[in-house]
C-alpha cells in the first residue's frame, strides 16, 4: 500500500509583480523526516512558507498535504499542519492556558480533550506548572515552548518551523532543536525547518538549499555533500550560494 508523502511540492513558482520569488520548486517530505531548508535572505523561504500555509495563493504548481490538494481541499490539508512563525504570535496579555485554549477552540475540540492535549504538550516541554502565567511574564525560550505546544495540540502530520530559534540564548536553542528532533523520531512527525544555522542540522536530516527561488541541492546530507564535492554542509551551502559572485 502506497502512503502519500506528508508534503508534496510540485513545479511551484511564484512572482511578486515582475520579480520571481520561486522558480519550479519540487520536493517531498515523508512521515518521520526532518528537512532543513537553508537559504540566504531573499532566497524564497518565507514565500514558500506563505504558500504552504495559504497566506498566499498558489498560482503555478501544486502543494499537497497528506494527499490533500491545498487549493482544492484547503480545510482537510490545513488540518494536518502545525506552524511556528519566526515572529511571536501569542497574545501577551493572556495566560499560557488561555492562548492554548483559544487554539483548541479554533480546531473544534471539546474542553475535556483540549485540557488533556494542553496538559500533555506542556508537560513534555516542562511548562505545565506555568500554565496560569501571562505570556509576557515568560522569557523568549519559554514563549517558544508555548508556541511549539500550541502547534502540536491538534496532532498535525507536518510541523513548519520558520527560524524558530532566532533571538534565543544557546541553551534554549539547543533544547528546542533536540526536542523537535525527538518528536520526529518518536512520533514520525514530518518537519520542514527553515534555518540559516548549520549547527541545527542533525546527521539524519534531509537538506534543501534554496537560492534566488531555485533549489540548488536537496537530499540527505551525504547526497548533498557528494553533489557539491564538499566535506561539510557549510562548505556545500557556500559553494551553491556564493559562486555566482564570480563574474
C-alpha atoms as a PDB file:
ATOM      1  CA  UNK A   1       0.000   0.000   0.000  1.00  0.00           C
ATOM      2  CA  UNK A   2       1.473   3.343  -1.086  1.00  0.00           C
ATOM      3  CA  UNK A   3       1.470   6.055   1.567  1.00  0.00           C
ATOM      4  CA  UNK A   4       1.199   9.672   0.411  1.00  0.00           C
ATOM      5  CA  UNK A   5       4.127  11.889   1.339  1.00  0.00           C
ATOM      6  CA  UNK A   6       3.327  14.274   4.160  1.00  0.00           C
ATOM      7  CA  UNK A   7       4.226  17.226   1.952  1.00  0.00           C
ATOM      8  CA  UNK A   8       4.468  17.307  -1.835  1.00  0.00           C
ATOM      9  CA  UNK A   9       5.632  20.415  -3.684  1.00  0.00           C
ATOM     10  CA  UNK A  10       5.423  20.140  -7.458  1.00  0.00           C
ATOM     11  CA  UNK A  11       6.557  22.734 -10.044  1.00  0.00           C
ATOM     12  CA  UNK A  12       5.827  25.575  -7.615  1.00  0.00           C
ATOM     13  CA  UNK A  13       6.509  29.069  -8.927  1.00  0.00           C
ATOM     14  CA  UNK A  14       5.511  32.462  -7.539  1.00  0.00           C
ATOM     15  CA  UNK A  15       6.224  36.044  -8.545  1.00  0.00           C
ATOM     16  CA  UNK A  16       5.804  39.463  -6.930  1.00  0.00           C
ATOM     17  CA  UNK A  17       4.884  41.746  -9.818  1.00  0.00           C
ATOM     18  CA  UNK A  18       7.745  41.021 -12.243  1.00  0.00           C
ATOM     19  CA  UNK A  19      10.155  39.537  -9.685  1.00  0.00           C
ATOM     20  CA  UNK A  20      10.206  35.736  -9.472  1.00  0.00           C
ATOM     21  CA  UNK A  21      10.422  34.560  -5.840  1.00  0.00           C
ATOM     22  CA  UNK A  22      10.147  30.803  -6.517  1.00  0.00           C
ATOM     23  CA  UNK A  23      11.007  29.056  -9.759  1.00  0.00           C
ATOM     24  CA  UNK A  24       9.756  25.489 -10.389  1.00  0.00           C
ATOM     25  CA  UNK A  25      10.398  24.191  -6.872  1.00  0.00           C
ATOM     26  CA  UNK A  26       9.950  20.425  -6.379  1.00  0.00           C
ATOM     27  CA  UNK A  27      10.437  18.283  -3.270  1.00  0.00           C
ATOM     28  CA  UNK A  28       8.673  15.824  -0.961  1.00  0.00           C
ATOM     29  CA  UNK A  29       8.828  15.196   2.791  1.00  0.00           C
ATOM     30  CA  UNK A  30       7.921  11.761   4.115  1.00  0.00           C
ATOM     31  CA  UNK A  31       6.482  10.901   7.569  1.00  0.00           C
ATOM     32  CA  UNK A  32       9.189  10.911  10.245  1.00  0.00           C
ATOM     33  CA  UNK A  33      11.514  13.074   8.172  1.00  0.00           C
ATOM     34  CA  UNK A  34      13.088  16.345   9.288  1.00  0.00           C
ATOM     35  CA  UNK A  35      14.010  18.546   6.342  1.00  0.00           C
ATOM     36  CA  UNK A  36      16.062  21.671   6.949  1.00  0.00           C
ATOM     37  CA  UNK A  37      15.510  24.480   4.455  1.00  0.00           C
ATOM     38  CA  UNK A  38      18.679  26.537   4.103  1.00  0.00           C
ATOM     39  CA  UNK A  39      18.895  29.760   2.173  1.00  0.00           C
ATOM     40  CA  UNK A  40      20.267  33.285   2.465  1.00  0.00           C
ATOM     41  CA  UNK A  41      17.954  36.276   2.883  1.00  0.00           C
ATOM     42  CA  UNK A  42      15.785  36.659  -0.191  1.00  0.00           C
ATOM     43  CA  UNK A  43      16.094  33.007  -1.174  1.00  0.00           C
ATOM     44  CA  UNK A  44      12.325  32.468  -1.135  1.00  0.00           C
ATOM     45  CA  UNK A  45      11.939  30.632   2.191  1.00  0.00           C
ATOM     46  CA  UNK A  46       9.245  32.964   3.555  1.00  0.00           C
ATOM     47  CA  UNK A  47       7.355  32.897   0.257  1.00  0.00           C
ATOM     48  CA  UNK A  48       7.367  29.097   0.295  1.00  0.00           C
ATOM     49  CA  UNK A  49       6.005  29.025   3.856  1.00  0.00           C
ATOM     50  CA  UNK A  50       3.342  31.598   2.975  1.00  0.00           C
ATOM     51  CA  UNK A  51       2.173  29.401   0.101  1.00  0.00           C
ATOM     52  CA  UNK A  52       2.077  26.228   2.220  1.00  0.00           C
ATOM     53  CA  UNK A  53       0.040  27.990   4.926  1.00  0.00           C
ATOM     54  CA  UNK A  54      -2.239  29.634   2.320  1.00  0.00           C
ATOM     55  CA  UNK A  55      -1.293  33.167   3.363  1.00  0.00           C
ATOM     56  CA  UNK A  56      -0.553  33.478  -0.354  1.00  0.00           C
ATOM     57  CA  UNK A  57      -2.495  31.735  -3.081  1.00  0.00           C
ATOM     58  CA  UNK A  58      -0.757  29.135  -5.225  1.00  0.00           C
ATOM     59  CA  UNK A  59      -0.726  30.370  -8.807  1.00  0.00           C
ATOM     60  CA  UNK A  60       1.603  27.923 -10.508  1.00  0.00           C
ATOM     61  CA  UNK A  61       2.296  24.406  -9.323  1.00  0.00           C
ATOM     62  CA  UNK A  62       0.800  22.112  -6.721  1.00  0.00           C
ATOM     63  CA  UNK A  63       1.032  21.690  -2.947  1.00  0.00           C
ATOM     64  CA  UNK A  64      -0.355  18.593  -1.219  1.00  0.00           C
ATOM     65  CA  UNK A  65      -0.523  17.840   2.498  1.00  0.00           C
ATOM     66  CA  UNK A  66      -1.104  14.152   3.266  1.00  0.00           C
ATOM     67  CA  UNK A  67      -2.599  13.702  -0.196  1.00  0.00           C
ATOM     68  CA  UNK A  68      -4.925  16.728   0.061  1.00  0.00           C
ATOM     69  CA  UNK A  69      -4.525  19.467  -2.533  1.00  0.00           C
ATOM     70  CA  UNK A  70      -4.081  22.668  -0.546  1.00  0.00           C
ATOM     71  CA  UNK A  71      -6.007  24.727  -3.100  1.00  0.00           C
ATOM     72  CA  UNK A  72      -8.913  22.358  -3.739  1.00  0.00           C
ATOM     73  CA  UNK A  73      -9.159  20.692  -0.306  1.00  0.00           C
ATOM     74  CA  UNK A  74      -7.923  23.531   1.876  1.00  0.00           C
ATOM     75  CA  UNK A  75      -9.686  22.593   5.124  1.00  0.00           C
ATOM     76  CA  UNK A  76      -8.526  18.960   5.067  1.00  0.00           C
ATOM     77  CA  UNK A  77      -4.986  19.966   4.109  1.00  0.00           C
ATOM     78  CA  UNK A  78      -4.503  22.698   6.713  1.00  0.00           C
ATOM     79  CA  UNK A  79      -5.945  20.487   9.464  1.00  0.00           C
ATOM     80  CA  UNK A  80      -2.751  18.398   9.088  1.00  0.00           C
ATOM     81  CA  UNK A  81      -0.473  21.415   9.536  1.00  0.00           C
ATOM     82  CA  UNK A  82       1.166  22.920  12.618  1.00  0.00           C
ATOM     83  CA  UNK A  83       3.119  26.185  12.316  1.00  0.00           C
ATOM     84  CA  UNK A  84       5.594  28.164  14.394  1.00  0.00           C
ATOM     85  CA  UNK A  85       6.349  31.503  12.745  1.00  0.00           C
ATOM     86  CA  UNK A  86       9.547  33.468  13.210  1.00  0.00           C
ATOM     87  CA  UNK A  87       7.631  36.375  14.734  1.00  0.00           C
ATOM     88  CA  UNK A  88       5.852  35.700  18.023  1.00  0.00           C
ATOM     89  CA  UNK A  89       2.088  35.224  17.600  1.00  0.00           C
ATOM     90  CA  UNK A  90       0.946  34.672  21.186  1.00  0.00           C
ATOM     91  CA  UNK A  91      -1.341  37.143  22.975  1.00  0.00           C
ATOM     92  CA  UNK A  92       0.985  38.646  25.565  1.00  0.00           C
ATOM     93  CA  UNK A  93      -1.833  39.646  27.935  1.00  0.00           C
ATOM     94  CA  UNK A  94      -3.430  36.198  28.092  1.00  0.00           C
ATOM     95  CA  UNK A  95      -2.154  33.300  30.148  1.00  0.00           C
ATOM     96  CA  UNK A  96      -0.475  30.281  28.606  1.00  0.00           C
ATOM     97  CA  UNK A  97      -3.670  28.294  29.180  1.00  0.00           C
ATOM     98  CA  UNK A  98      -5.876  30.951  27.564  1.00  0.00           C
ATOM     99  CA  UNK A  99      -3.676  31.103  24.472  1.00  0.00           C
ATOM    100  CA  UNK A 100      -3.763  27.341  24.071  1.00  0.00           C
ATOM    101  CA  UNK A 101      -7.497  27.006  24.730  1.00  0.00           C
ATOM    102  CA  UNK A 102      -8.181  29.562  22.029  1.00  0.00           C
ATOM    103  CA  UNK A 103      -6.258  27.379  19.569  1.00  0.00           C
ATOM    104  CA  UNK A 104      -8.141  24.216  20.560  1.00  0.00           C
ATOM    105  CA  UNK A 105     -11.449  26.055  20.144  1.00  0.00           C
ATOM    106  CA  UNK A 106     -10.459  27.019  16.599  1.00  0.00           C
ATOM    107  CA  UNK A 107      -9.953  23.318  15.893  1.00  0.00           C
ATOM    108  CA  UNK A 108     -13.334  22.420  17.383  1.00  0.00           C
ATOM    109  CA  UNK A 109     -12.036  20.462  20.376  1.00  0.00           C
ATOM    110  CA  UNK A 110     -14.259  19.953  23.411  1.00  0.00           C
ATOM    111  CA  UNK A 111     -12.945  21.227  26.758  1.00  0.00           C
ATOM    112  CA  UNK A 112     -12.085  17.776  28.136  1.00  0.00           C
ATOM    113  CA  UNK A 113     -10.000  16.788  25.118  1.00  0.00           C
ATOM    114  CA  UNK A 114      -8.487  20.268  24.949  1.00  0.00           C
ATOM    115  CA  UNK A 115      -7.359  20.119  28.579  1.00  0.00           C
ATOM    116  CA  UNK A 116      -5.861  16.665  28.052  1.00  0.00           C
ATOM    117  CA  UNK A 117      -3.911  17.791  24.993  1.00  0.00           C
ATOM    118  CA  UNK A 118      -2.741  21.007  26.665  1.00  0.00           C
ATOM    119  CA  UNK A 119      -1.518  19.142  29.734  1.00  0.00           C
ATOM    120  CA  UNK A 120       0.254  16.554  27.578  1.00  0.00           C
ATOM    121  CA  UNK A 121       2.118  19.074  25.437  1.00  0.00           C
ATOM    122  CA  UNK A 122       3.017  21.437  28.276  1.00  0.00           C
ATOM    123  CA  UNK A 123       4.299  18.573  30.416  1.00  0.00           C
ATOM    124  CA  UNK A 124       6.509  17.358  27.578  1.00  0.00           C
ATOM    125  CA  UNK A 125       8.011  20.839  27.446  1.00  0.00           C
ATOM    126  CA  UNK A 126       8.253  21.252  31.239  1.00  0.00           C
ATOM    127  CA  UNK A 127       5.811  24.175  31.110  1.00  0.00           C
ATOM    128  CA  UNK A 128       2.665  22.795  32.761  1.00  0.00           C
ATOM    129  CA  UNK A 129       3.337  24.430  36.127  1.00  0.00           C
ATOM    130  CA  UNK A 130       3.437  27.809  34.359  1.00  0.00           C
ATOM    131  CA  UNK A 131       0.101  27.425  32.565  1.00  0.00           C
ATOM    132  CA  UNK A 132      -1.615  30.225  34.515  1.00  0.00           C
ATOM    133  CA  UNK A 133       1.148  32.791  33.974  1.00  0.00           C
ATOM    134  CA  UNK A 134       0.688  35.557  31.435  1.00  0.00           C
ATOM    135  CA  UNK A 135       2.826  35.143  28.355  1.00  0.00           C
ATOM    136  CA  UNK A 136       4.556  38.471  28.896  1.00  0.00           C
ATOM    137  CA  UNK A 137       5.999  37.068  32.159  1.00  0.00           C
ATOM    138  CA  UNK A 138       7.881  34.368  30.233  1.00  0.00           C
ATOM    139  CA  UNK A 139      11.310  34.694  28.659  1.00  0.00           C
ATOM    140  CA  UNK A 140      11.880  34.136  24.929  1.00  0.00           C
ATOM    141  CA  UNK A 141      12.736  30.460  25.262  1.00  0.00           C
ATOM    142  CA  UNK A 142       9.631  29.684  27.304  1.00  0.00           C
ATOM    143  CA  UNK A 143       7.395  31.610  24.901  1.00  0.00           C
ATOM    144  CA  UNK A 144       8.786  29.494  22.078  1.00  0.00           C
ATOM    145  CA  UNK A 145       7.929  26.357  24.050  1.00  0.00           C
ATOM    146  CA  UNK A 146       4.341  27.556  24.329  1.00  0.00           C
ATOM    147  CA  UNK A 147       4.214  28.169  20.576  1.00  0.00           C
ATOM    148  CA  UNK A 148       5.584  24.680  19.916  1.00  0.00           C
ATOM    149  CA  UNK A 149       2.983  23.214  22.290  1.00  0.00           C
ATOM    150  CA  UNK A 150       0.215  25.158  20.542  1.00  0.00           C
ATOM    151  CA  UNK A 151       1.311  23.929  17.113  1.00  0.00           C
ATOM    152  CA  UNK A 152       1.038  20.295  18.258  1.00  0.00           C
ATOM    153  CA  UNK A 153      -2.323  20.370  20.085  1.00  0.00           C
ATOM    154  CA  UNK A 154      -4.335  19.169  17.082  1.00  0.00           C
ATOM    155  CA  UNK A 155      -1.839  16.349  16.296  1.00  0.00           C
ATOM    156  CA  UNK A 156      -0.582  17.640  12.932  1.00  0.00           C
ATOM    157  CA  UNK A 157       1.269  15.477  10.438  1.00  0.00           C
ATOM    158  CA  UNK A 158       3.582  18.300   9.331  1.00  0.00           C
ATOM    159  CA  UNK A 159       5.256  20.930  11.510  1.00  0.00           C
ATOM    160  CA  UNK A 160       6.514  24.092   9.794  1.00  0.00           C
ATOM    161  CA  UNK A 161       9.186  25.975  11.706  1.00  0.00           C
ATOM    162  CA  UNK A 162      10.223  29.371  10.362  1.00  0.00           C
ATOM    163  CA  UNK A 163      13.579  30.094  12.040  1.00  0.00           C
ATOM    164  CA  UNK A 164      12.071  29.455  15.491  1.00  0.00           C
ATOM    165  CA  UNK A 165      15.366  29.836  17.379  1.00  0.00           C
ATOM    166  CA  UNK A 166      16.041  33.429  16.316  1.00  0.00           C
ATOM    167  CA  UNK A 167      16.774  35.538  19.385  1.00  0.00           C
ATOM    168  CA  UNK A 168      17.069  32.605  21.803  1.00  0.00           C
ATOM    169  CA  UNK A 169      20.067  32.001  24.029  1.00  0.00           C
ATOM    170  CA  UNK A 170      22.237  28.964  23.287  1.00  0.00           C
ATOM    171  CA  UNK A 171      20.733  26.592  25.923  1.00  0.00           C
ATOM    172  CA  UNK A 172      17.158  27.428  24.826  1.00  0.00           C
ATOM    173  CA  UNK A 173      18.080  26.990  21.172  1.00  0.00           C
ATOM    174  CA  UNK A 174      19.756  23.631  21.770  1.00  0.00           C
ATOM    175  CA  UNK A 175      16.827  22.399  23.871  1.00  0.00           C
ATOM    176  CA  UNK A 176      14.337  23.342  21.142  1.00  0.00           C
ATOM    177  CA  UNK A 177      16.349  21.682  18.375  1.00  0.00           C
ATOM    178  CA  UNK A 178      16.706  18.496  20.437  1.00  0.00           C
ATOM    179  CA  UNK A 179      13.008  18.435  21.327  1.00  0.00           C
ATOM    180  CA  UNK A 180      11.825  18.739  17.723  1.00  0.00           C
ATOM    181  CA  UNK A 181      14.174  16.007  16.544  1.00  0.00           C
ATOM    182  CA  UNK A 182      12.900  13.768  19.340  1.00  0.00           C
ATOM    183  CA  UNK A 183       9.333  14.304  18.098  1.00  0.00           C
ATOM    184  CA  UNK A 184      10.418  13.270  14.619  1.00  0.00           C
ATOM    185  CA  UNK A 185      11.989  10.083  15.963  1.00  0.00           C
ATOM    186  CA  UNK A 186       9.253   9.142  18.457  1.00  0.00           C
ATOM    187  CA  UNK A 187       6.054  10.180  16.663  1.00  0.00           C
ATOM    188  CA  UNK A 188       7.041  10.067  12.985  1.00  0.00           C
ATOM    189  CA  UNK A 189       6.210  13.758  12.691  1.00  0.00           C
ATOM    190  CA  UNK A 190       7.355  15.378   9.448  1.00  0.00           C
ATOM    191  CA  UNK A 191       9.151  18.701   9.862  1.00  0.00           C
ATOM    192  CA  UNK A 192      10.140  21.479   7.474  1.00  0.00           C
ATOM    193  CA  UNK A 193      12.549  23.731   9.362  1.00  0.00           C
ATOM    194  CA  UNK A 194      13.723  26.986   7.774  1.00  0.00           C
ATOM    195  CA  UNK A 195      17.066  27.969   9.239  1.00  0.00           C
ATOM    196  CA  UNK A 196      20.347  29.663   8.472  1.00  0.00           C
ATOM    197  CA  UNK A 197      22.200  27.933  11.323  1.00  0.00           C
ATOM    198  CA  UNK A 198      24.173  24.909  10.177  1.00  0.00           C
ATOM    199  CA  UNK A 199      24.545  23.508  13.697  1.00  0.00           C
ATOM    200  CA  UNK A 200      20.770  22.939  13.874  1.00  0.00           C
ATOM    201  CA  UNK A 201      21.097  20.131  11.317  1.00  0.00           C
ATOM    202  CA  UNK A 202      21.289  16.561  12.626  1.00  0.00           C
ATOM    203  CA  UNK A 203      23.048  13.701  10.849  1.00  0.00           C
ATOM    204  CA  UNK A 204      19.773  12.014   9.795  1.00  0.00           C
ATOM    205  CA  UNK A 205      18.136  15.186   8.486  1.00  0.00           C
ATOM    206  CA  UNK A 206      17.402  15.974   4.881  1.00  0.00           C
ATOM    207  CA  UNK A 207      18.551  19.305   3.477  1.00  0.00           C
ATOM    208  CA  UNK A 208      17.190  21.664   0.830  1.00  0.00           C
ATOM    209  CA  UNK A 209      19.413  24.547  -0.274  1.00  0.00           C
ATOM    210  CA  UNK A 210      17.319  27.328  -1.786  1.00  0.00           C
ATOM    211  CA  UNK A 211      18.904  30.305  -3.546  1.00  0.00           C
ATOM    212  CA  UNK A 212      17.184  33.015  -5.586  1.00  0.00           C
ATOM    213  CA  UNK A 213      13.986  30.997  -5.715  1.00  0.00           C
ATOM    214  CA  UNK A 214      15.566  27.818  -7.036  1.00  0.00           C
ATOM    215  CA  UNK A 215      16.544  24.583  -5.307  1.00  0.00           C
ATOM    216  CA  UNK A 216      20.292  24.211  -5.772  1.00  0.00           C
ATOM    217  CA  UNK A 217      20.576  20.862  -3.936  1.00  0.00           C
ATOM    218  CA  UNK A 218      18.365  18.522  -1.926  1.00  0.00           C
ATOM    219  CA  UNK A 219      18.584  15.140  -0.243  1.00  0.00           C
ATOM    220  CA  UNK A 220      20.364  13.553   2.663  1.00  0.00           C
ATOM    221  CA  UNK A 221      23.487  15.212   3.988  1.00  0.00           C
ATOM    222  CA  UNK A 222      25.608  12.589   2.249  1.00  0.00           C
ATOM    223  CA  UNK A 223      23.832  13.206  -1.064  1.00  0.00           C
ATOM    224  CA  UNK A 224      24.257  16.983  -0.868  1.00  0.00           C
ATOM    225  CA  UNK A 225      27.932  16.649   0.054  1.00  0.00           C
ATOM    226  CA  UNK A 226      28.541  14.250  -2.833  1.00  0.00           C
ATOM    227  CA  UNK A 227      26.741  16.537  -5.279  1.00  0.00           C
ATOM    228  CA  UNK A 228      28.795  19.586  -4.249  1.00  0.00           C
ATOM    229  CA  UNK A 229      32.078  17.738  -3.658  1.00  0.00           C
ATOM    230  CA  UNK A 230      32.150  19.276  -0.199  1.00  0.00           C
ATOM    231  CA  UNK A 231      33.169  17.827   3.159  1.00  0.00           C
ATOM    232  CA  UNK A 232      30.702  19.827   5.283  1.00  0.00           C
ATOM    233  CA  UNK A 233      27.233  21.270   4.741  1.00  0.00           C
ATOM    234  CA  UNK A 234      28.599  24.740   5.485  1.00  0.00           C
ATOM    235  CA  UNK A 235      31.017  24.367   2.583  1.00  0.00           C
ATOM    236  CA  UNK A 236      28.264  22.998   0.304  1.00  0.00           C
ATOM    237  CA  UNK A 237      25.990  25.907   1.193  1.00  0.00           C
ATOM    238  CA  UNK A 238      28.729  28.431   0.433  1.00  0.00           C
ATOM    239  CA  UNK A 239      29.525  26.812  -2.911  1.00  0.00           C
ATOM    240  CA  UNK A 240      25.908  26.843  -4.032  1.00  0.00           C
ATOM    241  CA  UNK A 241      25.040  30.363  -2.890  1.00  0.00           C
ATOM    242  CA  UNK A 242      28.266  32.340  -3.306  1.00  0.00           C
ATOM    243  CA  UNK A 243      29.893  31.129  -6.508  1.00  0.00           C
ATOM    244  CA  UNK A 244      27.558  33.293  -8.616  1.00  0.00           C
ATOM    245  CA  UNK A 245      29.517  36.278  -7.328  1.00  0.00           C
ATOM    246  CA  UNK A 246      32.312  35.237  -9.685  1.00  0.00           C
ATOM    247  CA  UNK A 247      31.938  37.136 -12.970  1.00  0.00           C
END
